[in-house]
Every structure is written in structure tokens, then in C-alpha cells.
Amino acid sequence: MSSELHVDVSAGVAVLTLNRPAQQNAFTPAMAAELSAALRRCDVEDAVRAVVITGTPPAFCAGADLSHRVGEVSGTIDPPPWRVRKPVIAAVNGHAVGIGLALALQCDLRYMARDAVYGLNQVRRAVMADGYAHWTLPRLVGMANAADIMLTGRTFDGEEAKAMGLANDSLHAGEVLPTAMAVAHDIAGGSAPLPAGLSKRLLWEGLGMAPEAVGQLETELNSFVAKSIDGGEGMAAFKDRRQPRWTGSVNEEWPAWEVGAEPERPSLD
């Protein structure tokens, strides 16, 4: 356990808590390293079915710690949350600006505090937004909203974040983490791990593919999943009117081949 990142794994859900409350969880190289290590663990451990990233109140992450040189805390997290093969949820329970907001944008779902301050304000400091923000933000809110946010460096609240499609929901700060945890436990207990991981990867990668390529991947991956350990469990549980018992392994069953074995096809590695 690090003083800058708390990690708790229970009932299939890993909670990663940024923990520099006196500095509003400002991001440091040490925090980036700890978060990277925790996400790698979440990616390979089958006991982890879903991940929640949050911050020790009162903030989620108020940006980079400016006591370090520009670039030292550029948000180079390895792997980034969107590459983790489990659903990653951002419980944005307070202010998230700069790299703090960029981190949330890398997650699959975002539940955000209604009255907190959000923004990518780097242009007002003579630097550029990073942490994949130029890639994630327009995919979430469209080019017009992304340009407004990134070129003006202005701030906005949770209600506007929800209206733009950036937040899945805008809540009272005290409701953010419980809501995110409820969703995480629902995923951990209800969604088959391998199809959920593959669906997540295809959602992120599919935005840059032609519709025909996505359709073909859906077909091929469904055939792959049908032969997996959990392939017949979902239908069996439905017929037996019981909860499914997932025993598959994302780490051991993940396809290591390029789908379709054609060089031009994208790999899901």
C-alpha cells in the first residue's frame, strides 16, 4: 500500500484511491507509477472483475503537482484504463482538472460530482492537455464541445458534463462513490468476464474502424467466446432460472491472435 494510492480488492471489485488529500490528490510521478502497477494487477488477476478509480475527499484529482517539471506527470499511465481488460469506472467525487480529468476520460464509465469543477485548462498555463485527452474527449463529447473545452481552457460543472455526454450521471458528491460501487458490483456479479472485456476493447478500438470491420469482428469474437469456459453457462443459467456462475479467465483465454489471421486486421492484444 502506498501513501499516494490506496488499493482495496473485495468481492470482485478493485478500488484504487488517489490519496494526497492535503494537495487535492495532485498527480505526481510516484502516483503515476503506483497507479500503473495497480492497473497491471487488475488486468491480469481474474479475481478482479471491475475497477473503480476515485480520490480521497475533497477532490478527485486537481491536476499535476506543479512542483515537478512539465512532462514528468504527463499522465503516462501504463496501461491506461481503457486498455485494462476489465471495466474501469471513474468515481469523480470532487474537482478534476488537467490530468485529473484526463484520467477520468480514460475510464469506461464516469460518475461525477454535480458541484465540482472540471476542465482541461493547460492552454492557460502555456502547455497542452495530455493523458490521451485529444483522443478521448472528442470521442465522448464531439469535436465542437472538445474544441470549446480544450481551446478556451474554461471550467464546467457536473451538470454540464452530463449534458455533453462526458458523465454517465451527475450526483451529489457523497453519492458518487456508492453509485460507482453499485455499478461495479453489478458488473462483477452479472457480466461474463471474457465477453465484457472483449466488448470493452471493441468499443474503444471500433471507433477507428469501418462498420464492416466491426461487424466481422463481432461475428468472429462471438464464435471465439462460444468456445470459452463460460460459453454455455449464460444460457444454462437462463434455462435453469438461476444466477450464472462465471469461472472463465480473461487472462488465460484472451485471444493472442490477430482476428481472422489477416495482416490488415487489428489485433486485440
Protein backbone atom coordinates (compact mmCIF):
# COMPACT_ATOMS: atom_id res chain seq x y z
CA MET A 1 0.00 0.00 0.00
CA SER A 2 1.33 3.40 -0.99
CA SER A 3 0.75 6.67 0.83
CA GLU A 4 -0.27 8.14 -2.53
CA LEU A 5 -2.53 5.33 -3.73
CA HIS A 6 -4.73 3.03 -1.68
CA VAL A 7 -5.72 -0.29 -3.23
CA ASP A 8 -8.59 -2.42 -1.94
CA VAL A 9 -9.90 -5.57 -3.62
CA SER A 10 -13.12 -7.14 -2.36
CA ALA A 11 -15.96 -9.15 -3.90
CA GLY A 12 -14.55 -8.84 -7.40
CA VAL A 13 -14.11 -5.05 -7.32
CA ALA A 14 -10.77 -3.23 -7.03
CA VAL A 15 -10.97 0.30 -5.64
CA LEU A 16 -7.95 2.48 -6.44
CA THR A 17 -7.98 5.67 -4.38
CA LEU A 18 -5.70 8.62 -5.14
CA ASN A 19 -4.55 9.66 -1.69
CA ARG A 20 -2.97 13.10 -1.31
CA PRO A 21 -5.97 14.90 0.20
CA ALA A 22 -3.97 17.86 1.51
CA GLN A 23 -2.91 18.54 -2.10
CA GLN A 24 -6.35 17.66 -3.54
CA ASN A 25 -4.76 14.46 -4.88
CA ALA A 26 -2.48 16.35 -7.26
CA PHE A 27 -0.80 13.87 -9.59
CA THR A 28 2.89 13.01 -9.13
CA PRO A 29 5.31 10.63 -10.87
CA ALA A 30 5.09 8.33 -7.85
CA MET A 31 1.30 8.28 -8.07
CA ALA A 32 1.50 7.50 -11.80
CA ALA A 33 3.86 4.60 -11.08
CA GLU A 34 1.65 3.23 -8.30
CA LEU A 35 -1.49 3.55 -10.40
CA SER A 36 0.22 1.81 -13.32
CA ALA A 37 1.23 -1.09 -11.10
CA ALA A 38 -2.27 -1.38 -9.66
CA LEU A 39 -3.89 -1.35 -13.11
CA ARG A 40 -1.49 -4.04 -14.34
CA ARG A 41 -2.51 -6.15 -11.38
CA CYS A 42 -6.19 -5.58 -12.11
CA ASP A 43 -5.66 -6.52 -15.74
CA VAL A 44 -4.15 -9.95 -15.02
CA GLU A 45 -5.91 -11.04 -11.82
CA ASP A 46 -9.12 -12.94 -12.57
CA ALA A 47 -10.39 -12.20 -9.06
CA VAL A 48 -10.83 -8.60 -10.21
CA ARG A 49 -13.96 -8.24 -12.36
CA ALA A 50 -14.33 -4.44 -12.25
CA VAL A 51 -12.23 -1.45 -11.19
CA VAL A 52 -13.20 1.85 -9.55
CA ILE A 53 -10.82 4.82 -9.53
CA THR A 54 -11.61 7.59 -7.06
CA GLY A 55 -9.93 10.17 -4.84
CA THR A 56 -9.74 10.76 -1.11
CA PRO A 57 -12.14 13.70 -0.47
CA PRO A 58 -12.45 16.56 -1.05
CA ALA A 59 -11.18 16.17 -4.64
CA PHE A 60 -10.77 13.53 -7.32
CA CYS A 61 -7.54 14.99 -8.73
CA ALA A 62 -6.79 18.70 -9.04
CA GLY A 63 -4.24 18.21 -11.83
CA ALA A 64 -0.49 17.71 -11.89
CA ASP A 65 1.67 18.56 -8.92
CA LEU A 66 3.42 21.67 -10.24
CA SER A 67 6.44 21.13 -8.01
CA HIS A 68 7.59 18.72 -10.72
CA ARG A 69 8.78 19.67 -14.20
CA VAL A 70 6.26 19.85 -17.03
CA GLY A 71 6.16 16.42 -18.65
CA GLU A 72 7.14 14.47 -15.53
CA VAL A 73 3.49 13.88 -14.66
CA SER A 74 2.08 13.88 -18.16
CA GLY A 75 -0.36 11.14 -17.30
CA THR A 76 1.65 8.34 -18.85
CA ILE A 77 -0.12 5.51 -17.09
CA ASP A 78 0.78 2.03 -18.32
CA PRO A 79 -1.62 0.52 -19.07
CA PRO A 80 -4.11 3.36 -19.45
CA PRO A 81 -7.54 2.44 -18.03
CA TRP A 82 -9.02 1.96 -21.50
CA ARG A 83 -6.52 -0.84 -22.17
CA VAL A 84 -7.33 -2.77 -18.97
CA ARG A 85 -9.38 -5.85 -19.84
CA LYS A 86 -11.92 -5.18 -17.09
CA PRO A 87 -14.49 -2.36 -16.95
CA VAL A 88 -12.96 0.70 -15.24
CA ILE A 89 -15.25 3.23 -13.58
CA ALA A 90 -14.24 6.75 -12.55
CA ALA A 91 -15.95 7.85 -9.33
CA VAL A 92 -15.19 11.55 -9.77
CA ASN A 93 -16.17 12.67 -6.29
CA GLY A 94 -14.72 16.20 -6.50
CA HIS A 95 -12.69 18.61 -8.59
CA ALA A 96 -10.92 17.08 -11.61
CA VAL A 97 -8.85 19.36 -13.80
CA GLY A 98 -5.95 18.86 -16.18
CA ILE A 99 -4.51 15.38 -15.85
CA GLY A 100 -7.19 14.63 -13.24
CA LEU A 101 -9.96 15.00 -15.81
CA ALA A 102 -7.83 13.28 -18.48
CA LEU A 103 -7.58 10.25 -16.18
CA ALA A 104 -11.36 10.11 -15.83
CA LEU A 105 -11.72 10.36 -19.62
CA GLN A 106 -9.61 7.20 -19.98
CA CYS A 107 -12.17 5.19 -18.00
CA ASP A 108 -15.20 3.38 -19.42
CA LEU A 109 -17.82 4.99 -17.19
CA ARG A 110 -17.81 8.27 -15.27
CA TYR A 111 -19.99 9.25 -12.31
CA MET A 112 -19.28 12.86 -11.42
CA ALA A 113 -19.98 15.24 -8.54
CA ARG A 114 -22.56 17.84 -9.54
CA ASP A 115 -20.95 20.88 -7.90
CA ALA A 116 -17.29 20.12 -8.59
CA VAL A 117 -15.06 21.98 -11.04
CA TYR A 118 -13.86 20.27 -14.22
CA GLY A 119 -11.64 21.41 -17.05
CA LEU A 120 -8.62 20.91 -19.26
CA ASN A 121 -7.03 24.27 -18.58
CA GLN A 122 -3.47 23.60 -19.73
CA VAL A 123 -3.60 26.15 -22.55
CA ARG A 124 -3.96 28.82 -19.87
CA ARG A 125 -0.58 27.68 -18.49
CA ALA A 126 1.16 27.70 -21.90
CA VAL A 127 1.14 23.89 -22.18
CA MET A 128 -1.11 21.34 -23.87
CA ALA A 129 -3.57 18.86 -22.42
CA ASP A 130 -2.20 15.31 -22.36
CA GLY A 131 -3.09 11.90 -20.98
CA TYR A 132 -4.75 10.99 -24.31
CA ALA A 133 -7.21 13.89 -23.88
CA HIS A 134 -7.06 14.84 -27.58
CA TRP A 135 -8.14 11.28 -28.38
CA THR A 136 -10.68 10.56 -25.65
CA LEU A 137 -12.52 13.87 -25.33
CA PRO A 138 -13.81 14.29 -28.92
CA ARG A 139 -14.97 10.67 -28.88
CA LEU A 140 -17.07 11.37 -25.80
CA VAL A 141 -18.44 14.86 -26.45
CA GLY A 142 -17.88 15.52 -30.17
CA MET A 143 -15.48 17.90 -31.89
CA ALA A 144 -17.38 21.13 -31.15
CA ASN A 145 -17.55 20.53 -27.40
CA ALA A 146 -13.99 19.20 -27.30
CA ALA A 147 -12.67 22.29 -29.07
CA ASP A 148 -14.61 24.54 -26.69
CA ILE A 149 -13.16 22.80 -23.64
CA MET A 150 -9.58 22.46 -24.84
CA LEU A 151 -9.04 25.73 -26.70
CA THR A 152 -10.61 28.00 -24.09
CA GLY A 153 -9.37 26.09 -21.03
CA ARG A 154 -12.64 27.00 -19.32
CA THR A 155 -14.17 25.06 -16.44
CA PHE A 156 -17.60 23.47 -16.13
CA ASP A 157 -19.66 21.56 -13.56
CA GLY A 158 -21.12 18.07 -13.35
CA GLU A 159 -24.46 19.01 -14.83
CA GLU A 160 -22.80 20.34 -17.97
CA ALA A 161 -20.57 17.26 -18.09
CA LYS A 162 -23.66 15.07 -18.12
CA ALA A 163 -25.41 17.23 -20.72
CA MET A 164 -22.39 16.91 -23.03
CA GLY A 165 -22.24 13.14 -22.61
CA LEU A 166 -18.99 13.24 -20.67
CA ALA A 167 -20.59 11.95 -17.45
CA ASN A 168 -22.86 8.93 -17.17
CA ASP A 169 -24.53 10.70 -14.27
CA SER A 170 -24.14 13.86 -12.22
CA LEU A 171 -24.70 13.35 -8.50
CA HIS A 172 -24.20 14.88 -5.08
CA ALA A 173 -20.55 14.38 -4.15
CA GLY A 174 -21.44 11.93 -1.38
CA GLU A 175 -23.42 9.75 -3.81
CA VAL A 176 -20.70 9.40 -6.44
CA LEU A 177 -18.64 6.57 -4.94
CA PRO A 178 -21.64 4.50 -3.72
CA THR A 179 -23.20 4.76 -7.17
CA ALA A 180 -19.97 3.75 -8.89
CA MET A 181 -19.55 0.85 -6.47
CA ALA A 182 -23.09 -0.37 -7.10
CA VAL A 183 -22.43 -0.42 -10.85
CA ALA A 184 -19.06 -2.14 -10.33
CA HIS A 185 -20.60 -4.88 -8.18
CA ASP A 186 -23.40 -5.34 -10.70
CA ILE A 187 -20.79 -5.87 -13.44
CA ALA A 188 -18.64 -8.11 -11.22
CA GLY A 189 -21.57 -10.34 -10.34
CA GLY A 190 -23.56 -10.30 -13.54
CA SER A 191 -21.41 -9.83 -16.62
CA ALA A 192 -19.36 -12.69 -18.06
CA PRO A 193 -15.71 -11.57 -17.75
CA LEU A 194 -14.37 -12.52 -21.20
CA PRO A 195 -17.24 -11.09 -23.31
CA ALA A 196 -17.25 -7.94 -21.17
CA GLY A 197 -13.52 -7.46 -21.70
CA LEU A 198 -13.73 -8.08 -25.43
CA SER A 199 -16.75 -5.80 -25.78
CA LYS A 200 -14.89 -3.04 -23.94
CA ARG A 201 -11.87 -3.40 -26.24
CA LEU A 202 -14.05 -3.36 -29.35
CA LEU A 203 -15.93 -0.28 -28.15
CA TRP A 204 -12.66 1.64 -27.85
CA GLU A 205 -10.95 0.26 -30.94
CA GLY A 206 -14.05 0.14 -33.12
CA LEU A 207 -14.36 3.92 -33.33
CA GLY A 208 -11.47 3.94 -35.79
CA MET A 209 -12.70 1.01 -37.89
CA ALA A 210 -15.06 0.70 -40.81
CA PRO A 211 -18.54 -0.64 -39.96
CA GLU A 212 -17.84 -3.82 -41.93
CA ALA A 213 -14.69 -4.50 -39.92
CA VAL A 214 -16.57 -4.07 -36.64
CA GLY A 215 -19.35 -6.38 -37.80
CA GLN A 216 -16.86 -9.03 -38.84
CA LEU A 217 -15.05 -8.78 -35.51
CA GLU A 218 -18.34 -9.14 -33.63
CA THR A 219 -19.03 -12.36 -35.54
CA GLU A 220 -15.56 -13.79 -35.06
CA LEU A 221 -15.32 -12.84 -31.40
CA ASN A 222 -18.76 -14.31 -30.67
CA SER A 223 -17.57 -17.59 -32.18
CA PHE A 224 -14.46 -17.37 -30.02
CA VAL A 225 -16.48 -16.65 -26.86
CA ALA A 226 -18.88 -19.52 -27.58
CA LYS A 227 -15.96 -21.94 -27.19
CA SER A 228 -14.72 -20.34 -23.95
CA ILE A 229 -15.14 -21.74 -20.45
CA ASP A 230 -18.24 -19.64 -19.82
CA GLY A 231 -19.59 -20.15 -23.34
CA GLY A 232 -22.63 -22.20 -22.35
CA GLU A 233 -23.10 -21.02 -18.77
CA GLY A 234 -25.19 -17.96 -19.56
CA MET A 235 -27.83 -19.86 -21.49
CA ALA A 236 -27.78 -22.74 -18.99
CA ALA A 237 -28.37 -20.33 -16.12
CA PHE A 238 -31.21 -18.67 -18.04
CA LYS A 239 -32.90 -22.02 -18.68
CA ASP A 240 -32.40 -23.11 -15.06
CA ARG A 241 -33.66 -19.74 -13.77
CA ARG A 242 -30.57 -19.18 -11.64
CA GLN A 243 -27.70 -16.74 -11.44
CA PRO A 244 -24.78 -17.67 -13.72
CA ARG A 245 -21.59 -18.94 -12.16
CA TRP A 246 -18.74 -17.48 -14.18
CA THR A 247 -15.46 -19.38 -13.95
CA GLY A 248 -13.68 -18.18 -17.10
CA SER A 249 -10.33 -16.42 -17.15
CA VAL A 250 -9.77 -13.20 -19.07
CA ASN A 251 -6.04 -13.54 -18.57
CA GLU A 252 -5.80 -17.15 -19.81
CA GLU A 253 -8.50 -17.07 -22.51
CA TRP A 254 -7.80 -13.68 -24.11
CA PRO A 255 -7.16 -14.10 -27.85
CA ALA A 256 -3.46 -13.81 -28.61
CA TRP A 257 -4.01 -13.91 -32.37
CA GLU A 258 -4.95 -11.25 -34.88
CA VAL A 259 -8.64 -11.76 -35.52
CA GLY A 260 -9.13 -13.52 -38.85
CA ALA A 261 -5.34 -14.04 -39.25
CA GLU A 262 -5.18 -11.32 -41.89
CA PRO A 263 -2.29 -8.82 -41.58
CA GLU A 264 -4.54 -5.81 -42.13
CA ARG A 265 -6.89 -6.89 -39.38
CA PRO A 266 -6.49 -5.09 -36.00
CA SER A 267 -5.19 -7.12 -33.12
CA LEU A 268 -6.92 -7.09 -29.74
CA ASP A 269 -3.65 -7.69 -27.88
